[in-house]
Amino acid sequence: IGKRKLESMPDNLQAVVREAADNMHET
């Protein structure tokens, strides 16, 4: 993901994206 795009989000939404990505790895 673009670093600027990710960091444009509040911390709680960044966490959602990162945790969903971890789960995507398992899937």
mmCIF file of all heavy atoms, coordinates in Angstrom:
data_MODEL
# 
_entry.id   MODEL 
# 
loop_
_atom_site.group_PDB 
_atom_site.id 
_atom_site.type_symbol 
_atom_site.label_atom_id 
_atom_site.label_alt_id 
_atom_site.label_comp_id 
_atom_site.label_asym_id 
_atom_site.label_entity_id 
_atom_site.label_seq_id 
_atom_site.pdbx_PDB_ins_code 
_atom_site.Cartn_x 
_atom_site.Cartn_y 
_atom_site.Cartn_z 
_atom_site.occupancy 
_atom_site.B_iso_or_equiv 
_atom_site.pdbx_formal_charge 
_atom_site.auth_seq_id 
_atom_site.auth_comp_id 
_atom_site.auth_asym_id 
_atom_site.auth_atom_id 
_atom_site.pdbx_PDB_model_num 
ATOM 1   N N   . ILE A 1 1  ? 0.866   -1.181  0.000  1.00 0.00 ? 1  ILE A N   1 
ATOM 2   C CA  . ILE A 1 1  ? 0.000   0.000   0.000  1.00 0.00 ? 1  ILE A CA  1 
ATOM 3   C C   . ILE A 1 1  ? 0.905   1.234   0.000  1.00 0.00 ? 1  ILE A C   1 
ATOM 4   O O   . ILE A 1 1  ? 2.021   1.195   0.552  1.00 0.00 ? 1  ILE A O   1 
ATOM 5   C CB  . ILE A 1 1  ? -0.944  -0.005  1.221  1.00 0.00 ? 1  ILE A CB  1 
ATOM 6   C CG1 . ILE A 1 1  ? -1.952  1.151   1.145  1.00 0.00 ? 1  ILE A CG1 1 
ATOM 7   C CG2 . ILE A 1 1  ? -0.158  0.070   2.525  1.00 0.00 ? 1  ILE A CG2 1 
ATOM 8   C CD1 . ILE A 1 1  ? -3.066  1.053   2.201  1.00 0.00 ? 1  ILE A CD1 1 
ATOM 9   N N   . GLY A 1 2  ? 0.444   2.301   -0.613 1.00 0.00 ? 2  GLY A N   1 
ATOM 10  C CA  . GLY A 1 2  ? 1.211   3.538   -0.588 1.00 0.00 ? 2  GLY A CA  1 
ATOM 11  C C   . GLY A 1 2  ? 1.396   4.030   0.838  1.00 0.00 ? 2  GLY A C   1 
ATOM 12  O O   . GLY A 1 2  ? 0.430   4.096   1.609  1.00 0.00 ? 2  GLY A O   1 
ATOM 13  N N   . LYS A 1 3  ? 2.626   4.359   1.193  1.00 0.00 ? 3  LYS A N   1 
ATOM 14  C CA  . LYS A 1 3  ? 2.930   4.808   2.558  1.00 0.00 ? 3  LYS A CA  1 
ATOM 15  C C   . LYS A 1 3  ? 2.136   6.066   2.901  1.00 0.00 ? 3  LYS A C   1 
ATOM 16  O O   . LYS A 1 3  ? 1.548   6.166   3.989  1.00 0.00 ? 3  LYS A O   1 
ATOM 17  C CB  . LYS A 1 3  ? 4.432   5.073   2.673  1.00 0.00 ? 3  LYS A CB  1 
ATOM 18  C CG  . LYS A 1 3  ? 4.916   5.486   4.050  1.00 0.00 ? 3  LYS A CG  1 
ATOM 19  C CD  . LYS A 1 3  ? 6.434   5.657   4.044  1.00 0.00 ? 3  LYS A CD  1 
ATOM 20  C CE  . LYS A 1 3  ? 6.966   6.217   5.348  1.00 0.00 ? 3  LYS A CE  1 
ATOM 21  N NZ  . LYS A 1 3  ? 6.875   5.237   6.444  1.00 0.00 ? 3  LYS A NZ  1 
ATOM 22  N N   . ARG A 1 4  ? 2.065   7.017   1.965  1.00 0.00 ? 4  ARG A N   1 
ATOM 23  C CA  . ARG A 1 4  ? 1.306   8.248   2.239  1.00 0.00 ? 4  ARG A CA  1 
ATOM 24  C C   . ARG A 1 4  ? -0.172  7.950   2.441  1.00 0.00 ? 4  ARG A C   1 
ATOM 25  O O   . ARG A 1 4  ? -0.817  8.556   3.297  1.00 0.00 ? 4  ARG A O   1 
ATOM 26  C CB  . ARG A 1 4  ? 1.499   9.248   1.090  1.00 0.00 ? 4  ARG A CB  1 
ATOM 27  C CG  . ARG A 1 4  ? 2.842   9.968   1.112  1.00 0.00 ? 4  ARG A CG  1 
ATOM 28  C CD  . ARG A 1 4  ? 2.976   10.933  -0.036 1.00 0.00 ? 4  ARG A CD  1 
ATOM 29  N NE  . ARG A 1 4  ? 2.932   10.240  -1.337 1.00 0.00 ? 4  ARG A NE  1 
ATOM 30  C CZ  . ARG A 1 4  ? 2.972   10.834  -2.514 1.00 0.00 ? 4  ARG A CZ  1 
ATOM 31  N NH1 . ARG A 1 4  ? 3.039   12.160  -2.583 1.00 0.00 ? 4  ARG A NH1 1 
ATOM 32  N NH2 . ARG A 1 4  ? 2.950   10.145  -3.628 1.00 0.00 ? 4  ARG A NH2 1 
ATOM 33  N N   . LYS A 1 5  ? -0.700  7.024   1.649  1.00 0.00 ? 5  LYS A N   1 
ATOM 34  C CA  . LYS A 1 5  ? -2.121  6.691   1.785  1.00 0.00 ? 5  LYS A CA  1 
ATOM 35  C C   . LYS A 1 5  ? -2.397  6.054   3.144  1.00 0.00 ? 5  LYS A C   1 
ATOM 36  O O   . LYS A 1 5  ? -3.336  6.441   3.848  1.00 0.00 ? 5  LYS A O   1 
ATOM 37  C CB  . LYS A 1 5  ? -2.543  5.736   0.663  1.00 0.00 ? 5  LYS A CB  1 
ATOM 38  C CG  . LYS A 1 5  ? -4.021  5.379   0.685  1.00 0.00 ? 5  LYS A CG  1 
ATOM 39  C CD  . LYS A 1 5  ? -4.884  6.614   0.439  1.00 0.00 ? 5  LYS A CD  1 
ATOM 40  C CE  . LYS A 1 5  ? -6.342  6.251   0.282  1.00 0.00 ? 5  LYS A CE  1 
ATOM 41  N NZ  . LYS A 1 5  ? -6.966  6.940   -0.848 1.00 0.00 ? 5  LYS A NZ  1 
ATOM 42  N N   . LEU A 1 6  ? -1.566  5.097   3.517  1.00 0.00 ? 6  LEU A N   1 
ATOM 43  C CA  . LEU A 1 6  ? -1.775  4.423   4.796  1.00 0.00 ? 6  LEU A CA  1 
ATOM 44  C C   . LEU A 1 6  ? -1.687  5.430   5.941  1.00 0.00 ? 6  LEU A C   1 
ATOM 45  O O   . LEU A 1 6  ? -2.535  5.429   6.847  1.00 0.00 ? 6  LEU A O   1 
ATOM 46  C CB  . LEU A 1 6  ? -0.731  3.321   4.984  1.00 0.00 ? 6  LEU A CB  1 
ATOM 47  C CG  . LEU A 1 6  ? -0.857  2.485   6.259  1.00 0.00 ? 6  LEU A CG  1 
ATOM 48  C CD1 . LEU A 1 6  ? -2.168  1.704   6.282  1.00 0.00 ? 6  LEU A CD1 1 
ATOM 49  C CD2 . LEU A 1 6  ? 0.331   1.541   6.410  1.00 0.00 ? 6  LEU A CD2 1 
ATOM 50  N N   . GLU A 1 7  ? -0.687  6.298   5.885  1.00 0.00 ? 7  GLU A N   1 
ATOM 51  C CA  . GLU A 1 7  ? -0.488  7.232   6.995  1.00 0.00 ? 7  GLU A CA  1 
ATOM 52  C C   . GLU A 1 7  ? -1.492  8.380   6.987  1.00 0.00 ? 7  GLU A C   1 
ATOM 53  O O   . GLU A 1 7  ? -1.574  9.127   7.969  1.00 0.00 ? 7  GLU A O   1 
ATOM 54  C CB  . GLU A 1 7  ? 0.948   7.761   6.954  1.00 0.00 ? 7  GLU A CB  1 
ATOM 55  C CG  . GLU A 1 7  ? 1.970   6.670   7.283  1.00 0.00 ? 7  GLU A CG  1 
ATOM 56  C CD  . GLU A 1 7  ? 3.404   7.148   7.233  1.00 0.00 ? 7  GLU A CD  1 
ATOM 57  O OE1 . GLU A 1 7  ? 3.643   8.287   6.765  1.00 0.00 ? 7  GLU A OE1 1 
ATOM 58  O OE2 . GLU A 1 7  ? 4.293   6.380   7.661  1.00 0.00 ? 7  GLU A OE2 1 
ATOM 59  N N   . SER A 1 8  ? -2.271  8.500   5.898  1.00 0.00 ? 8  SER A N   1 
ATOM 60  C CA  . SER A 1 8  ? -3.329  9.514   5.879  1.00 0.00 ? 8  SER A CA  1 
ATOM 61  C C   . SER A 1 8  ? -4.540  9.087   6.705  1.00 0.00 ? 8  SER A C   1 
ATOM 62  O O   . SER A 1 8  ? -5.401  9.910   7.014  1.00 0.00 ? 8  SER A O   1 
ATOM 63  C CB  . SER A 1 8  ? -3.775  9.787   4.436  1.00 0.00 ? 8  SER A CB  1 
ATOM 64  O OG  . SER A 1 8  ? -4.561  8.711   3.923  1.00 0.00 ? 8  SER A OG  1 
ATOM 65  N N   . MET A 1 9  ? -4.582  7.814   7.067  1.00 0.00 ? 9  MET A N   1 
ATOM 66  C CA  . MET A 1 9  ? -5.701  7.289   7.853  1.00 0.00 ? 9  MET A CA  1 
ATOM 67  C C   . MET A 1 9  ? -5.411  7.411   9.342  1.00 0.00 ? 9  MET A C   1 
ATOM 68  O O   . MET A 1 9  ? -4.255  7.351   9.764  1.00 0.00 ? 9  MET A O   1 
ATOM 69  C CB  . MET A 1 9  ? -5.936  5.807   7.529  1.00 0.00 ? 9  MET A CB  1 
ATOM 70  C CG  . MET A 1 9  ? -6.248  5.508   6.093  1.00 0.00 ? 9  MET A CG  1 
ATOM 71  S SD  . MET A 1 9  ? -6.475  3.717   5.871  1.00 0.00 ? 9  MET A SD  1 
ATOM 72  C CE  . MET A 1 9  ? -6.752  3.642   4.104  1.00 0.00 ? 9  MET A CE  1 
ATOM 73  N N   . PRO A 1 10 ? -6.457  7.535   10.152 1.00 0.00 ? 10 PRO A N   1 
ATOM 74  C CA  . PRO A 1 10 ? -6.232  7.516   11.608 1.00 0.00 ? 10 PRO A CA  1 
ATOM 75  C C   . PRO A 1 10 ? -5.693  6.153   12.046 1.00 0.00 ? 10 PRO A C   1 
ATOM 76  O O   . PRO A 1 10 ? -5.854  5.147   11.342 1.00 0.00 ? 10 PRO A O   1 
ATOM 77  C CB  . PRO A 1 10 ? -7.628  7.786   12.181 1.00 0.00 ? 10 PRO A CB  1 
ATOM 78  C CG  . PRO A 1 10 ? -8.584  7.460   11.092 1.00 0.00 ? 10 PRO A CG  1 
ATOM 79  C CD  . PRO A 1 10 ? -7.876  7.707   9.807  1.00 0.00 ? 10 PRO A CD  1 
ATOM 80  N N   . ASP A 1 11 ? -5.065  6.132   13.217 1.00 0.00 ? 11 ASP A N   1 
ATOM 81  C CA  . ASP A 1 11 ? -4.401  4.912   13.681 1.00 0.00 ? 11 ASP A CA  1 
ATOM 82  C C   . ASP A 1 11 ? -5.337  3.717   13.734 1.00 0.00 ? 11 ASP A C   1 
ATOM 83  O O   . ASP A 1 11 ? -4.937  2.590   13.406 1.00 0.00 ? 11 ASP A O   1 
ATOM 84  C CB  . ASP A 1 11 ? -3.795  5.144   15.078 1.00 0.00 ? 11 ASP A CB  1 
ATOM 85  C CG  . ASP A 1 11 ? -2.587  6.075   15.036 1.00 0.00 ? 11 ASP A CG  1 
ATOM 86  O OD1 . ASP A 1 11 ? -2.090  6.340   13.920 1.00 0.00 ? 11 ASP A OD1 1 
ATOM 87  O OD2 . ASP A 1 11 ? -2.163  6.531   16.116 1.00 0.00 ? 11 ASP A OD2 1 
ATOM 88  N N   . ASN A 1 12 ? -6.603  3.941   14.141 1.00 0.00 ? 12 ASN A N   1 
ATOM 89  C CA  . ASN A 1 12 ? -7.498  2.792   14.273 1.00 0.00 ? 12 ASN A CA  1 
ATOM 90  C C   . ASN A 1 12 ? -7.817  2.162   12.916 1.00 0.00 ? 12 ASN A C   1 
ATOM 91  O O   . ASN A 1 12 ? -7.953  0.939   12.795 1.00 0.00 ? 12 ASN A O   1 
ATOM 92  C CB  . ASN A 1 12 ? -8.785  3.183   15.008 1.00 0.00 ? 12 ASN A CB  1 
ATOM 93  C CG  . ASN A 1 12 ? -9.608  4.214   14.267 1.00 0.00 ? 12 ASN A CG  1 
ATOM 94  O OD1 . ASN A 1 12 ? -9.065  5.119   13.620 1.00 0.00 ? 12 ASN A OD1 1 
ATOM 95  N ND2 . ASN A 1 12 ? -10.932 4.102   14.349 1.00 0.00 ? 12 ASN A ND2 1 
ATOM 96  N N   . LEU A 1 13 ? -7.900  2.987   11.863 1.00 0.00 ? 13 LEU A N   1 
ATOM 97  C CA  . LEU A 1 13 ? -8.167  2.434   10.536 1.00 0.00 ? 13 LEU A CA  1 
ATOM 98  C C   . LEU A 1 13 ? -6.906  1.812   9.932  1.00 0.00 ? 13 LEU A C   1 
ATOM 99  O O   . LEU A 1 13 ? -6.996  0.819   9.199  1.00 0.00 ? 13 LEU A O   1 
ATOM 100 C CB  . LEU A 1 13 ? -8.744  3.500   9.615  1.00 0.00 ? 13 LEU A CB  1 
ATOM 101 C CG  . LEU A 1 13 ? -10.151 4.005   9.975  1.00 0.00 ? 13 LEU A CG  1 
ATOM 102 C CD1 . LEU A 1 13 ? -10.666 4.949   8.895  1.00 0.00 ? 13 LEU A CD1 1 
ATOM 103 C CD2 . LEU A 1 13 ? -11.134 2.849   10.176 1.00 0.00 ? 13 LEU A CD2 1 
ATOM 104 N N   . GLN A 1 14 ? -5.739  2.376   10.243 1.00 0.00 ? 14 GLN A N   1 
ATOM 105 C CA  . GLN A 1 14 ? -4.496  1.721   9.830  1.00 0.00 ? 14 GLN A CA  1 
ATOM 106 C C   . GLN A 1 14 ? -4.413  0.319   10.432 1.00 0.00 ? 14 GLN A C   1 
ATOM 107 O O   . GLN A 1 14 ? -3.997  -0.639  9.767  1.00 0.00 ? 14 GLN A O   1 
ATOM 108 C CB  . GLN A 1 14 ? -3.278  2.542   10.266 1.00 0.00 ? 14 GLN A CB  1 
ATOM 109 C CG  . GLN A 1 14 ? -3.085  3.836   9.503  1.00 0.00 ? 14 GLN A CG  1 
ATOM 110 C CD  . GLN A 1 14 ? -1.771  4.511   9.862  1.00 0.00 ? 14 GLN A CD  1 
ATOM 111 O OE1 . GLN A 1 14 ? -0.734  3.860   9.980  1.00 0.00 ? 14 GLN A OE1 1 
ATOM 112 N NE2 . GLN A 1 14 ? -1.802  5.832   10.061 1.00 0.00 ? 14 GLN A NE2 1 
ATOM 113 N N   . ALA A 1 15 ? -4.832  0.214   11.687 1.00 0.00 ? 15 ALA A N   1 
ATOM 114 C CA  . ALA A 1 15 ? -4.810  -1.088  12.363 1.00 0.00 ? 15 ALA A CA  1 
ATOM 115 C C   . ALA A 1 15 ? -5.764  -2.067  11.691 1.00 0.00 ? 15 ALA A C   1 
ATOM 116 O O   . ALA A 1 15 ? -5.447  -3.260  11.540 1.00 0.00 ? 15 ALA A O   1 
ATOM 117 C CB  . ALA A 1 15 ? -5.158  -0.926  13.836 1.00 0.00 ? 15 ALA A CB  1 
ATOM 118 N N   . VAL A 1 16 ? -6.929  -1.592  11.268 1.00 0.00 ? 16 VAL A N   1 
ATOM 119 C CA  . VAL A 1 16 ? -7.884  -2.448  10.552 1.00 0.00 ? 16 VAL A CA  1 
ATOM 120 C C   . VAL A 1 16 ? -7.249  -3.001  9.280  1.00 0.00 ? 16 VAL A C   1 
ATOM 121 O O   . VAL A 1 16 ? -7.336  -4.195  8.984  1.00 0.00 ? 16 VAL A O   1 
ATOM 122 C CB  . VAL A 1 16 ? -9.172  -1.661  10.207 1.00 0.00 ? 16 VAL A CB  1 
ATOM 123 C CG1 . VAL A 1 16 ? -10.009 -2.406  9.173  1.00 0.00 ? 16 VAL A CG1 1 
ATOM 124 C CG2 . VAL A 1 16 ? -9.994  -1.412  11.466 1.00 0.00 ? 16 VAL A CG2 1 
ATOM 125 N N   . VAL A 1 17 ? -6.579  -2.127  8.518  1.00 0.00 ? 17 VAL A N   1 
ATOM 126 C CA  . VAL A 1 17 ? -5.950  -2.545  7.263  1.00 0.00 ? 17 VAL A CA  1 
ATOM 127 C C   . VAL A 1 17 ? -4.847  -3.568  7.526  1.00 0.00 ? 17 VAL A C   1 
ATOM 128 O O   . VAL A 1 17 ? -4.769  -4.607  6.858  1.00 0.00 ? 17 VAL A O   1 
ATOM 129 C CB  . VAL A 1 17 ? -5.391  -1.317  6.508  1.00 0.00 ? 17 VAL A CB  1 
ATOM 130 C CG1 . VAL A 1 17 ? -4.503  -1.743  5.345  1.00 0.00 ? 17 VAL A CG1 1 
ATOM 131 C CG2 . VAL A 1 17 ? -6.530  -0.434  6.019  1.00 0.00 ? 17 VAL A CG2 1 
ATOM 132 N N   . ARG A 1 18 ? -4.021  -3.305  8.529  1.00 0.00 ? 18 ARG A N   1 
ATOM 133 C CA  . ARG A 1 18 ? -2.905  -4.216  8.813  1.00 0.00 ? 18 ARG A CA  1 
ATOM 134 C C   . ARG A 1 18 ? -3.397  -5.572  9.326  1.00 0.00 ? 18 ARG A C   1 
ATOM 135 O O   . ARG A 1 18 ? -2.866  -6.627  8.928  1.00 0.00 ? 18 ARG A O   1 
ATOM 136 C CB  . ARG A 1 18 ? -1.952  -3.579  9.827  1.00 0.00 ? 18 ARG A CB  1 
ATOM 137 C CG  . ARG A 1 18 ? -1.138  -2.410  9.249  1.00 0.00 ? 18 ARG A CG  1 
ATOM 138 C CD  . ARG A 1 18 ? -0.137  -1.895  10.271 1.00 0.00 ? 18 ARG A CD  1 
ATOM 139 N NE  . ARG A 1 18 ? 0.679   -0.795  9.800  1.00 0.00 ? 18 ARG A NE  1 
ATOM 140 C CZ  . ARG A 1 18 ? 1.787   -0.921  9.076  1.00 0.00 ? 18 ARG A CZ  1 
ATOM 141 N NH1 . ARG A 1 18 ? 2.212   -2.133  8.731  1.00 0.00 ? 18 ARG A NH1 1 
ATOM 142 N NH2 . ARG A 1 18 ? 2.479   0.141   8.696  1.00 0.00 ? 18 ARG A NH2 1 
ATOM 143 N N   . GLU A 1 19 ? -4.404  -5.557  10.186 1.00 0.00 ? 19 GLU A N   1 
ATOM 144 C CA  . GLU A 1 19 ? -4.916  -6.828  10.728 1.00 0.00 ? 19 GLU A CA  1 
ATOM 145 C C   . GLU A 1 19 ? -5.629  -7.628  9.646  1.00 0.00 ? 19 GLU A C   1 
ATOM 146 O O   . GLU A 1 19 ? -5.507  -8.857  9.579  1.00 0.00 ? 19 GLU A O   1 
ATOM 147 C CB  . GLU A 1 19 ? -5.836  -6.552  11.914 1.00 0.00 ? 19 GLU A CB  1 
ATOM 148 C CG  . GLU A 1 19 ? -5.080  -6.073  13.153 1.00 0.00 ? 19 GLU A CG  1 
ATOM 149 C CD  . GLU A 1 19 ? -5.982  -5.436  14.200 1.00 0.00 ? 19 GLU A CD  1 
ATOM 150 O OE1 . GLU A 1 19 ? -7.214  -5.629  14.110 1.00 0.00 ? 19 GLU A OE1 1 
ATOM 151 O OE2 . GLU A 1 19 ? -5.455  -4.740  15.088 1.00 0.00 ? 19 GLU A OE2 1 
ATOM 152 N N   . ALA A 1 20 ? -6.360  -6.937  8.770  1.00 0.00 ? 20 ALA A N   1 
ATOM 153 C CA  . ALA A 1 20 ? -7.026  -7.634  7.669  1.00 0.00 ? 20 ALA A CA  1 
ATOM 154 C C   . ALA A 1 20 ? -5.993  -8.227  6.715  1.00 0.00 ? 20 ALA A C   1 
ATOM 155 O O   . ALA A 1 20 ? -6.201  -9.297  6.130  1.00 0.00 ? 20 ALA A O   1 
ATOM 156 C CB  . ALA A 1 20 ? -7.956  -6.682  6.917  1.00 0.00 ? 20 ALA A CB  1 
ATOM 157 N N   . ALA A 1 21 ? -4.863  -7.536  6.554  1.00 0.00 ? 21 ALA A N   1 
ATOM 158 C CA  . ALA A 1 21 ? -3.799  -8.065  5.706  1.00 0.00 ? 21 ALA A CA  1 
ATOM 159 C C   . ALA A 1 21 ? -3.183  -9.325  6.317  1.00 0.00 ? 21 ALA A C   1 
ATOM 160 O O   . ALA A 1 21 ? -2.884  -10.293 5.601  1.00 0.00 ? 21 ALA A O   1 
ATOM 161 C CB  . ALA A 1 21 ? -2.728  -7.008  5.486  1.00 0.00 ? 21 ALA A CB  1 
ATOM 162 N N   . ASP A 1 22 ? -3.007  -9.335  7.634  1.00 0.00 ? 22 ASP A N   1 
ATOM 163 C CA  . ASP A 1 22 ? -2.513  -10.543 8.304  1.00 0.00 ? 22 ASP A CA  1 
ATOM 164 C C   . ASP A 1 22 ? -3.466  -11.709 8.058  1.00 0.00 ? 22 ASP A C   1 
ATOM 165 O O   . ASP A 1 22 ? -3.040  -12.834 7.783  1.00 0.00 ? 22 ASP A O   1 
ATOM 166 C CB  . ASP A 1 22 ? -2.377  -10.304 9.811  1.00 0.00 ? 22 ASP A CB  1 
ATOM 167 C CG  . ASP A 1 22 ? -1.217  -9.383  10.156 1.00 0.00 ? 22 ASP A CG  1 
ATOM 168 O OD1 . ASP A 1 22 ? -0.323  -9.197  9.296  1.00 0.00 ? 22 ASP A OD1 1 
ATOM 169 O OD2 . ASP A 1 22 ? -1.206  -8.850  11.289 1.00 0.00 ? 22 ASP A OD2 1 
ATOM 170 N N   . ASN A 1 23 ? -4.762  -11.439 8.150  1.00 0.00 ? 23 ASN A N   1 
ATOM 171 C CA  . ASN A 1 23 ? -5.752  -12.495 7.919  1.00 0.00 ? 23 ASN A CA  1 
ATOM 172 C C   . ASN A 1 23 ? -5.785  -12.909 6.452  1.00 0.00 ? 23 ASN A C   1 
ATOM 173 O O   . ASN A 1 23 ? -6.029  -14.076 6.131  1.00 0.00 ? 23 ASN A O   1 
ATOM 174 C CB  . ASN A 1 23 ? -7.136  -12.031 8.376  1.00 0.00 ? 23 ASN A CB  1 
ATOM 175 C CG  . ASN A 1 23 ? -7.225  -11.867 9.881  1.00 0.00 ? 23 ASN A CG  1 
ATOM 176 O OD1 . ASN A 1 23 ? -6.494  -12.532 10.627 1.00 0.00 ? 23 ASN A OD1 1 
ATOM 177 N ND2 . ASN A 1 23 ? -8.085  -10.987 10.356 1.00 0.00 ? 23 ASN A ND2 1 
ATOM 178 N N   . MET A 1 24 ? -5.549  -11.936 5.560  1.00 0.00 ? 24 MET A N   1 
ATOM 179 C CA  . MET A 1 24 ? -5.480  -12.253 4.133  1.00 0.00 ? 24 MET A CA  1 
ATOM 180 C C   . MET A 1 24 ? -4.345  -13.241 3.868  1.00 0.00 ? 24 MET A C   1 
ATOM 181 O O   . MET A 1 24 ? -4.469  -14.138 3.030  1.00 0.00 ? 24 MET A O   1 
ATOM 182 C CB  . MET A 1 24 ? -5.290  -10.963 3.323  1.00 0.00 ? 24 MET A CB  1 
ATOM 183 C CG  . MET A 1 24 ? -5.076  -11.189 1.843  1.00 0.00 ? 24 MET A CG  1 
ATOM 184 S SD  . MET A 1 24 ? -5.168  -9.679  0.821  1.00 0.00 ? 24 MET A SD  1 
ATOM 185 C CE  . MET A 1 24 ? -4.039  -8.574  1.667  1.00 0.00 ? 24 MET A CE  1 
ATOM 186 N N   . HIS A 1 25 ? -3.229  -13.078 4.571  1.00 0.00 ? 25 HIS A N   1 
ATOM 187 C CA  . HIS A 1 25 ? -2.113  -14.005 4.429  1.00 0.00 ? 25 HIS A CA  1 
ATOM 188 C C   . HIS A 1 25 ? -2.543  -15.425 4.767  1.00 0.00 ? 25 HIS A C   1 
ATOM 189 O O   . HIS A 1 25 ? -2.243  -16.371 4.026  1.00 0.00 ? 25 HIS A O   1 
ATOM 190 C CB  . HIS A 1 25 ? -0.960  -13.578 5.349  1.00 0.00 ? 25 HIS A CB  1 
ATOM 191 C CG  . HIS A 1 25 ? 0.181   -14.551 5.385  1.00 0.00 ? 25 HIS A CG  1 
ATOM 192 N ND1 . HIS A 1 25 ? 1.182   -14.557 4.449  1.00 0.00 ? 25 HIS A ND1 1 
ATOM 193 C CD2 . HIS A 1 25 ? 0.455   -15.576 6.237  1.00 0.00 ? 25 HIS A CD2 1 
ATOM 194 C CE1 . HIS A 1 25 ? 2.028   -15.540 4.721  1.00 0.00 ? 25 HIS A CE1 1 
ATOM 195 N NE2 . HIS A 1 25 ? 1.608   -16.165 5.807  1.00 0.00 ? 25 HIS A NE2 1 
ATOM 196 N N   . GLU A 1 26 ? -3.252  -15.575 5.871  1.00 0.00 ? 26 GLU A N   1 
ATOM 197 C CA  . GLU A 1 26 ? -3.709  -16.907 6.282  1.00 0.00 ? 26 GLU A CA  1 
ATOM 198 C C   . GLU A 1 26 ? -4.689  -17.483 5.260  1.00 0.00 ? 26 GLU A C   1 
ATOM 199 O O   . GLU A 1 26 ? -4.614  -18.671 4.915  1.00 0.00 ? 26 GLU A O   1 
ATOM 200 C CB  . GLU A 1 26 ? -4.352  -16.843 7.671  1.00 0.00 ? 26 GLU A CB  1 
ATOM 201 C CG  . GLU A 1 26 ? -3.420  -16.370 8.774  1.00 0.00 ? 26 GLU A CG  1 
ATOM 202 C CD  . GLU A 1 26 ? -2.163  -17.217 8.878  1.00 0.00 ? 26 GLU A CD  1 
ATOM 203 O OE1 . GLU A 1 26 ? -2.268  -18.459 8.737  1.00 0.00 ? 26 GLU A OE1 1 
ATOM 204 O OE2 . GLU A 1 26 ? -1.078  -16.646 9.092  1.00 0.00 ? 26 GLU A OE2 1 
ATOM 205 N N   . THR A 1 27 ? -5.616  -16.647 4.793  1.00 0.00 ? 27 THR A N   1 
ATOM 206 C CA  . THR A 1 27 ? -6.578  -17.093 3.774  1.00 0.00 ? 27 THR A CA  1 
ATOM 207 C C   . THR A 1 27 ? -5.842  -17.552 2.528  1.00 0.00 ? 27 THR A C   1 
ATOM 208 O O   . THR A 1 27 ? -6.128  -18.612 1.956  1.00 0.00 ? 27 THR A O   1 
ATOM 209 C CB  . THR A 1 27 ? -7.535  -15.941 3.399  1.00 0.00 ? 27 THR A CB  1 
ATOM 210 O OG1 . THR A 1 27 ? -8.274  -15.558 4.557  1.00 0.00 ? 27 THR A OG1 1 
ATOM 211 C CG2 . THR A 1 27 ? -8.495  -16.351 2.288  1.00 0.00 ? 27 THR A CG2 1 
# 
